[in-house]
Amino acid sequence: MRAARFYDRGDIRVDEINEPIIKAGQVGIDVAWCGICGTDLHEFLDGPIFCPSAEHPNPITGEVPPVTLGHEMSGVVNFIGEGVSGLKVGDHVVVEPYIVPEGTDTSETGHYNLSEGSNFIGLGGNGGGLAEKISVDERWVHKIPDNLPLDEAALIEPLSVGYHAVERANLSEKSTVLVVGAGPIGLLTAAVAKAQGHTVIISEPSGLRRKKAQVADYFFNPIEDDIQAKVHEINEKGVDAAFECTSVQPGFDACLDAIRMGGTVVIVAIWGKPASVDMAKLVIKEANLLGTIAYNNTHPKTIDLVSTGKIKLDQFITAKIGLDDLIDKGFDTLIHHNETAVKILVSPTGKGL
């Protein structure tokens, strides 16, 4: 089968590799769609980060480069391994792409997203969604209803990131929130907050992404608009929570300025460099500053939001490409022309293009 594999920084190749072996307790999946994530871009530009290197194999999988990329995937079950009881061939599914240490509590009460050394399928090894087929432990495979198209289902994984971020904010009913940055994660975080009944404000300089930001109640351009003033026009006390989805200093500063006394800033973006914090402002506001990483038992909740029509994901899909166009029409667009795209989906087989 064909697969896009990470060799090293700036070196991703489409190779012919063997199809995966489905072991006991695993499910074989024909990949329908796989989204390109910002994390994939970071690996290409600055990696290896989550991906292993020749000198540092992944401690759980033991893999070294090349590894198959892709962790935002949907597909159709093609094989059921021994001992699998909750799925059948032909089921439409999405993957919660965790790699966790043996013995990790992955129950509803476990915080497996915080397990030391955890990683993700499609980054740390175990195959990936930028391939025609994948094998995954049953625990991480979630069946989706028939009314959820497979292309939209590929966005369940990043939507779960947004869902977990909103959960972390611990909002009261009908709160007002600011989302800074309308990339895929910012837009999906806003969509979750809106679906839960909150008033949502988005700050985003890109015209295309502001158009997609109409999922929110208000959307402003931080280059032209005074975001703090706009926020206080909407709610004179400031927002209850602000979600930082840019990984740039002005984005974080805007969040801290916009929250009310006792408000919360949630850092959703993965920062590649240190940030500065106005400690006096943090103290005077008695603000809560929180981090959030990935998701924890949120896939079923996000699937329900979409399948019941509370969130429409098709509006965030701006392009569909095949594996051969992964770099030129996928990575290059998102790195150099990201104002023109939100979510780009890849069909490893080329079907549906």
Protein backbone atom coordinates (compact mmCIF):
# COMPACT_ATOMS: atom_id res chain seq x y z
CA MET A 1 0.00 0.00 0.00
CA ARG A 2 1.00 3.66 -0.31
CA ALA A 3 1.84 5.78 2.72
CA ALA A 4 3.31 9.22 3.45
CA ARG A 5 6.25 8.76 5.80
CA PHE A 6 8.37 11.13 7.88
CA TYR A 7 12.09 10.56 7.45
CA ASP A 8 13.44 13.76 8.96
CA ARG A 9 12.87 17.50 9.06
CA GLY A 10 11.81 18.62 5.58
CA ASP A 11 11.79 15.04 4.31
CA ILE A 12 8.41 13.37 3.83
CA ARG A 13 8.06 10.73 1.11
CA VAL A 14 5.23 8.68 -0.34
CA ASP A 15 6.40 5.05 -0.20
CA GLU A 16 5.10 1.60 -1.05
CA ILE A 17 4.99 -0.38 2.21
CA ASN A 18 3.43 -3.60 3.47
CA GLU A 19 -0.16 -3.55 4.65
CA PRO A 20 -0.50 -3.66 8.45
CA ILE A 21 -0.91 -6.94 10.32
CA ILE A 22 -4.07 -7.00 12.46
CA LYS A 23 -3.28 -8.54 15.83
CA ALA A 24 -5.64 -9.87 18.49
CA GLY A 25 -7.69 -7.04 19.97
CA GLN A 26 -7.14 -4.85 16.91
CA VAL A 27 -9.31 -3.54 14.10
CA GLY A 28 -8.25 -3.18 10.46
CA ILE A 29 -9.42 0.03 8.80
CA ASP A 30 -9.49 1.28 5.21
CA VAL A 31 -8.65 4.96 5.63
CA ALA A 32 -11.15 7.22 3.88
CA TRP A 33 -9.84 10.67 4.85
CA CYS A 34 -7.03 12.07 6.95
CA GLY A 35 -6.64 15.73 7.90
CA ILE A 36 -3.35 17.62 7.84
CA CYS A 37 -2.73 18.94 11.34
CA GLY A 38 -0.58 21.82 12.54
CA THR A 39 1.46 19.24 14.41
CA ASP A 40 2.34 17.58 11.09
CA LEU A 41 3.52 20.95 9.81
CA HIS A 42 5.69 21.46 12.92
CA GLU A 43 7.30 18.05 12.33
CA PHE A 44 8.04 18.96 8.72
CA LEU A 45 9.49 22.37 9.61
CA ASP A 46 11.14 21.78 12.98
CA GLY A 47 11.00 18.06 13.76
CA PRO A 48 11.45 15.52 14.92
CA ILE A 49 9.32 16.59 17.89
CA PHE A 50 6.65 13.95 18.51
CA CYS A 51 8.16 11.79 15.77
CA PRO A 52 11.11 9.60 16.76
CA SER A 53 14.63 10.08 15.46
CA ALA A 54 17.32 7.55 14.63
CA GLU A 55 19.06 8.45 17.90
CA HIS A 56 15.87 8.48 19.98
CA PRO A 57 13.38 5.71 19.16
CA ASN A 58 9.87 6.11 20.49
CA PRO A 59 10.03 4.60 24.01
CA ILE A 60 6.67 2.81 23.64
CA THR A 61 6.62 1.64 20.03
CA GLY A 62 10.38 1.33 19.66
CA GLU A 63 10.10 2.81 16.17
CA VAL A 64 12.64 4.96 14.38
CA PRO A 65 12.14 6.88 11.12
CA PRO A 66 10.57 6.51 8.70
CA VAL A 67 7.16 6.56 10.38
CA THR A 68 3.79 6.97 8.67
CA LEU A 69 2.14 10.31 9.42
CA GLY A 70 -1.51 11.22 9.97
CA HIS A 71 -3.63 11.20 13.13
CA GLU A 72 -6.93 12.87 12.09
CA MET A 73 -8.54 9.93 10.34
CA SER A 74 -11.84 8.32 9.42
CA GLY A 75 -12.47 5.08 7.61
CA VAL A 76 -14.30 1.79 7.20
CA VAL A 77 -13.58 -1.38 9.19
CA ASN A 78 -12.15 -4.09 6.90
CA PHE A 79 -11.06 -6.73 9.42
CA ILE A 80 -11.86 -7.72 13.00
CA GLY A 81 -9.06 -9.16 15.09
CA GLU A 82 -9.51 -11.97 17.60
CA GLY A 83 -11.30 -10.83 20.75
CA VAL A 84 -12.88 -7.70 19.24
CA SER A 85 -16.61 -7.63 20.02
CA GLY A 86 -17.88 -4.06 19.70
CA LEU A 87 -17.33 -3.54 15.97
CA LYS A 88 -17.96 -5.34 12.68
CA VAL A 89 -16.66 -5.22 9.12
CA GLY A 90 -18.26 -2.33 7.25
CA ASP A 91 -18.65 -0.03 10.27
CA HIS A 92 -17.74 3.60 9.69
CA VAL A 93 -15.29 4.72 12.36
CA VAL A 94 -12.90 7.38 13.59
CA VAL A 95 -9.70 6.82 15.51
CA GLU A 96 -8.69 8.34 18.83
CA PRO A 97 -4.99 8.13 17.99
CA TYR A 98 -3.31 7.55 21.33
CA ILE A 99 -0.16 5.65 22.10
CA VAL A 100 0.03 5.22 25.88
CA PRO A 101 2.30 3.20 28.19
CA GLU A 102 1.17 -0.28 29.11
CA GLY A 103 -1.00 -0.26 32.22
CA THR A 104 -2.35 3.28 31.64
CA ASP A 105 -5.88 3.76 32.97
CA THR A 106 -7.93 4.44 29.83
CA SER A 107 -11.29 4.17 31.55
CA GLU A 108 -13.81 7.00 31.81
CA THR A 109 -12.14 8.16 35.03
CA GLY A 110 -8.56 7.90 33.76
CA HIS A 111 -6.59 10.95 32.64
CA TYR A 112 -4.69 9.09 29.97
CA ASN A 113 -3.88 12.27 28.05
CA LEU A 114 -1.48 13.06 30.90
CA SER A 115 0.25 9.68 30.95
CA GLU A 116 4.02 10.12 30.92
CA GLY A 117 5.57 9.33 27.56
CA SER A 118 2.24 9.18 25.72
CA ASN A 119 2.25 9.97 22.02
CA PHE A 120 -0.01 9.66 18.98
CA ILE A 121 -0.56 7.18 16.18
CA GLY A 122 0.76 8.85 13.07
CA LEU A 123 3.51 10.65 14.97
CA GLY A 124 5.12 8.26 17.43
CA GLY A 125 4.55 5.19 15.25
CA ASN A 126 1.92 2.42 14.97
CA GLY A 127 1.09 3.42 11.41
CA GLY A 128 -0.86 6.52 10.51
CA GLY A 129 -3.84 7.84 8.59
CA LEU A 130 -1.79 9.09 5.62
CA ALA A 131 -1.81 5.49 4.40
CA GLU A 132 -4.37 3.35 2.67
CA LYS A 133 -4.86 1.04 5.65
CA ILE A 134 -4.19 1.04 9.37
CA SER A 135 -4.55 -1.35 12.32
CA VAL A 136 -5.67 0.06 15.68
CA ASP A 137 -6.44 -1.36 19.12
CA GLU A 138 -10.22 -1.62 19.60
CA ARG A 139 -10.10 0.79 22.58
CA TRP A 140 -9.20 3.67 20.28
CA VAL A 141 -11.77 3.02 17.53
CA HIS A 142 -15.12 4.82 17.73
CA LYS A 143 -18.09 3.90 15.56
CA ILE A 144 -19.87 6.83 13.95
CA PRO A 145 -23.54 7.00 12.88
CA ASP A 146 -24.56 6.68 9.24
CA ASN A 147 -25.61 10.34 9.04
CA LEU A 148 -22.02 11.53 9.66
CA PRO A 149 -20.12 11.62 6.34
CA LEU A 150 -16.61 10.20 6.42
CA ASP A 151 -14.98 13.42 5.22
CA GLU A 152 -16.55 15.42 8.05
CA ALA A 153 -15.74 12.61 10.48
CA ALA A 154 -12.02 13.20 9.89
CA LEU A 155 -12.50 16.44 11.87
CA ILE A 156 -13.75 14.62 14.99
CA GLU A 157 -10.17 14.37 16.31
CA PRO A 158 -9.40 18.13 16.18
CA LEU A 159 -12.95 18.85 17.35
CA SER A 160 -12.18 16.75 20.42
CA VAL A 161 -9.22 19.02 21.12
CA GLY A 162 -11.62 21.98 21.15
CA TYR A 163 -14.13 20.09 23.29
CA HIS A 164 -11.52 19.27 25.91
CA ALA A 165 -10.32 22.89 25.95
CA VAL A 166 -13.85 24.13 26.62
CA GLU A 167 -14.24 21.50 29.34
CA ARG A 168 -11.04 22.75 30.96
CA ALA A 169 -12.48 26.28 31.18
CA ASN A 170 -15.28 24.99 33.46
CA LEU A 171 -17.74 27.56 32.15
CA SER A 172 -20.98 28.51 33.80
CA GLU A 173 -24.15 28.35 31.74
CA LYS A 174 -24.36 30.99 28.99
CA SER A 175 -20.87 32.42 29.46
CA THR A 176 -19.11 34.83 27.08
CA VAL A 177 -15.82 33.62 25.60
CA LEU A 178 -13.10 34.93 23.30
CA VAL A 179 -11.22 32.67 20.87
CA VAL A 180 -7.98 34.20 19.60
CA GLY A 181 -6.99 32.63 16.28
CA ALA A 182 -9.39 31.08 13.77
CA GLY A 183 -7.25 28.27 12.48
CA PRO A 184 -8.81 24.79 12.58
CA ILE A 185 -8.46 24.38 16.35
CA GLY A 186 -9.67 27.90 17.11
CA LEU A 187 -12.72 27.51 14.86
CA LEU A 188 -13.56 24.11 16.29
CA THR A 189 -13.14 25.37 19.86
CA ALA A 190 -15.50 28.22 19.00
CA ALA A 191 -17.97 25.76 17.47
CA VAL A 192 -18.03 23.68 20.65
CA ALA A 193 -18.55 26.73 22.87
CA LYS A 194 -21.35 27.98 20.61
CA ALA A 195 -23.02 24.56 20.53
CA GLN A 196 -23.02 24.58 24.33
CA GLY A 197 -24.92 27.86 24.39
CA HIS A 198 -22.16 30.36 25.09
CA THR A 199 -21.66 33.74 23.41
CA VAL A 200 -18.55 33.48 21.24
CA ILE A 201 -16.19 36.21 20.01
CA ILE A 202 -13.38 35.42 17.56
CA SER A 203 -10.26 37.49 16.82
CA GLU A 204 -8.60 36.61 13.50
CA PRO A 205 -6.68 38.68 10.89
CA SER A 206 -7.32 36.38 7.88
CA GLY A 207 -10.35 37.36 5.81
CA LEU A 208 -11.14 33.78 4.75
CA ARG A 209 -10.89 32.50 8.28
CA ARG A 210 -13.06 35.33 9.58
CA LYS A 211 -15.66 34.24 7.03
CA LYS A 212 -15.49 30.73 8.48
CA ALA A 213 -15.64 32.36 11.93
CA GLN A 214 -19.30 33.16 11.36
CA VAL A 215 -19.82 30.10 13.54
CA ALA A 216 -19.32 32.73 16.30
CA ASP A 217 -21.56 35.60 17.40
CA TYR A 218 -18.90 38.27 16.80
CA PHE A 219 -15.68 38.22 14.78
CA PHE A 220 -13.05 40.93 14.62
CA ASN A 221 -9.77 41.71 12.87
CA PRO A 222 -7.02 42.39 15.46
CA ILE A 223 -5.06 44.42 12.91
CA GLU A 224 -7.90 46.90 12.50
CA ASP A 225 -9.93 46.47 15.68
CA ASP A 226 -9.11 47.11 19.34
CA ILE A 227 -10.08 43.65 20.61
CA GLN A 228 -10.15 44.66 24.27
CA ALA A 229 -12.48 47.58 23.48
CA LYS A 230 -14.71 45.41 21.30
CA VAL A 231 -14.94 42.76 24.01
CA HIS A 232 -15.94 45.32 26.63
CA GLU A 233 -18.60 46.73 24.31
CA ILE A 234 -20.15 43.26 24.22
CA ASN A 235 -19.65 42.54 27.91
CA GLU A 236 -18.51 45.47 30.04
CA LYS A 237 -16.84 43.20 32.60
CA GLY A 238 -14.89 41.23 30.00
CA VAL A 239 -15.19 37.63 28.86
CA ASP A 240 -15.49 34.71 31.26
CA ALA A 241 -12.82 32.75 29.39
CA ALA A 242 -10.38 33.29 26.53
CA PHE A 243 -8.85 30.53 24.42
CA GLU A 244 -5.34 31.18 23.04
CA CYS A 245 -5.06 29.35 19.71
CA THR A 246 -2.21 31.21 17.97
CA SER A 247 1.03 30.49 19.89
CA VAL A 248 2.10 34.12 19.45
CA GLN A 249 2.67 36.70 22.19
CA PRO A 250 0.06 39.26 21.02
CA GLY A 251 -2.55 36.50 21.03
CA PHE A 252 -1.81 35.60 24.63
CA ASP A 253 -1.75 39.26 25.66
CA ALA A 254 -5.15 39.81 24.05
CA CYS A 255 -6.58 36.91 26.06
CA LEU A 256 -5.29 38.24 29.38
CA ASP A 257 -6.55 41.74 28.57
CA ALA A 258 -10.01 40.51 27.56
CA ILE A 259 -10.97 38.36 30.55
CA ARG A 260 -13.02 39.69 33.44
CA MET A 261 -11.83 39.73 37.03
CA GLY A 262 -11.49 36.09 38.07
CA GLY A 263 -11.67 34.97 34.43
CA THR A 264 -9.80 32.12 32.76
CA VAL A 265 -7.24 31.94 29.98
CA VAL A 266 -6.86 28.50 28.37
CA ILE A 267 -3.72 27.89 26.32
CA VAL A 268 -4.77 25.59 23.49
CA ALA A 269 -1.95 26.22 20.99
CA ILE A 270 1.29 24.24 21.14
CA TRP A 271 3.99 26.86 21.72
CA GLY A 272 7.45 26.32 20.27
CA LYS A 273 9.06 29.07 22.32
CA PRO A 274 8.66 30.66 25.78
CA ALA A 275 6.06 33.38 26.32
CA SER A 276 6.09 36.32 28.74
CA VAL A 277 3.31 36.86 31.28
CA ASP A 278 2.28 40.16 32.78
CA MET A 279 2.27 38.81 36.33
CA ALA A 280 0.79 41.98 37.82
CA LYS A 281 -2.21 41.72 35.52
CA LEU A 282 -2.57 38.01 36.28
CA VAL A 283 -2.51 38.70 40.03
CA ILE A 284 -4.72 41.80 40.02
CA LYS A 285 -7.36 39.98 37.98
CA GLU A 286 -6.98 36.86 40.13
CA ALA A 287 -7.04 35.09 36.79
CA ASN A 288 -6.87 31.39 36.10
CA LEU A 289 -4.19 30.38 33.59
CA LEU A 290 -4.67 26.84 32.29
CA GLY A 291 -3.02 24.53 29.81
CA THR A 292 -4.82 21.85 27.83
CA ILE A 293 -3.43 18.92 25.89
CA ALA A 294 -5.34 16.84 23.34
CA TYR A 295 -8.44 15.15 24.79
CA ASN A 296 -9.60 12.63 27.33
CA ASN A 297 -12.79 10.58 26.79
CA THR A 298 -14.28 13.31 24.59
CA HIS A 299 -14.63 11.53 21.22
CA PRO A 300 -18.10 10.11 21.98
CA LYS A 301 -19.29 13.55 23.11
CA THR A 302 -17.99 15.27 19.98
CA ILE A 303 -19.50 12.59 17.74
CA ASP A 304 -22.85 13.24 19.42
CA LEU A 305 -22.58 17.02 18.88
CA VAL A 306 -22.02 16.51 15.17
CA SER A 307 -24.47 13.67 14.56
CA THR A 308 -27.27 15.64 16.26
CA GLY A 309 -26.61 18.65 14.02
CA LYS A 310 -25.34 21.00 16.73
CA ILE A 311 -22.06 21.43 14.85
CA LYS A 312 -21.67 21.34 11.06
CA LEU A 313 -18.15 20.35 10.07
CA ASP A 314 -18.35 20.55 6.28
CA GLN A 315 -17.93 24.35 6.42
CA PHE A 316 -14.36 23.96 7.69
CA ILE A 317 -13.14 21.69 4.87
CA THR A 318 -11.49 23.92 2.28
CA ALA A 319 -9.69 21.35 0.08
CA LYS A 320 -9.40 17.63 -0.65
CA ILE A 321 -6.23 16.17 -2.17
CA GLY A 322 -4.48 12.87 -2.84
CA LEU A 323 -1.21 11.59 -1.38
CA ASP A 324 0.82 12.75 -4.38
CA ASP A 325 -0.24 16.35 -3.70
CA LEU A 326 0.49 16.18 0.03
CA ILE A 327 3.46 18.56 0.00
CA ASP A 328 2.67 20.91 -2.90
CA LYS A 329 -1.06 21.37 -2.33
CA GLY A 330 -1.20 20.44 1.35
CA PHE A 331 1.82 21.35 3.44
CA ASP A 332 2.95 24.22 1.19
CA THR A 333 -0.50 25.80 1.25
CA LEU A 334 -0.84 25.56 5.02
CA ILE A 335 2.70 26.81 5.69
CA HIS A 336 2.97 29.62 3.15
CA HIS A 337 -0.66 30.49 2.35
CA ASN A 338 -2.54 29.52 5.49
CA GLU A 339 -4.88 32.49 5.14
CA THR A 340 -6.39 30.67 2.12
CA ALA A 341 -7.25 27.40 3.85
CA VAL A 342 -8.67 25.93 7.03
CA LYS A 343 -8.75 22.13 6.93
CA ILE A 344 -7.21 20.18 4.05
CA LEU A 345 -8.19 16.52 3.84
CA VAL A 346 -6.16 13.79 2.17
CA SER A 347 -7.58 10.66 0.52
CA PRO A 348 -4.79 8.04 0.67
CA THR A 349 -6.49 5.94 -2.03
CA GLY A 350 -7.67 8.87 -4.13
CA LYS A 351 -11.29 7.75 -3.82
CA GLY A 352 -13.82 10.53 -3.50
CA LEU A 353 -11.64 13.17 -5.15
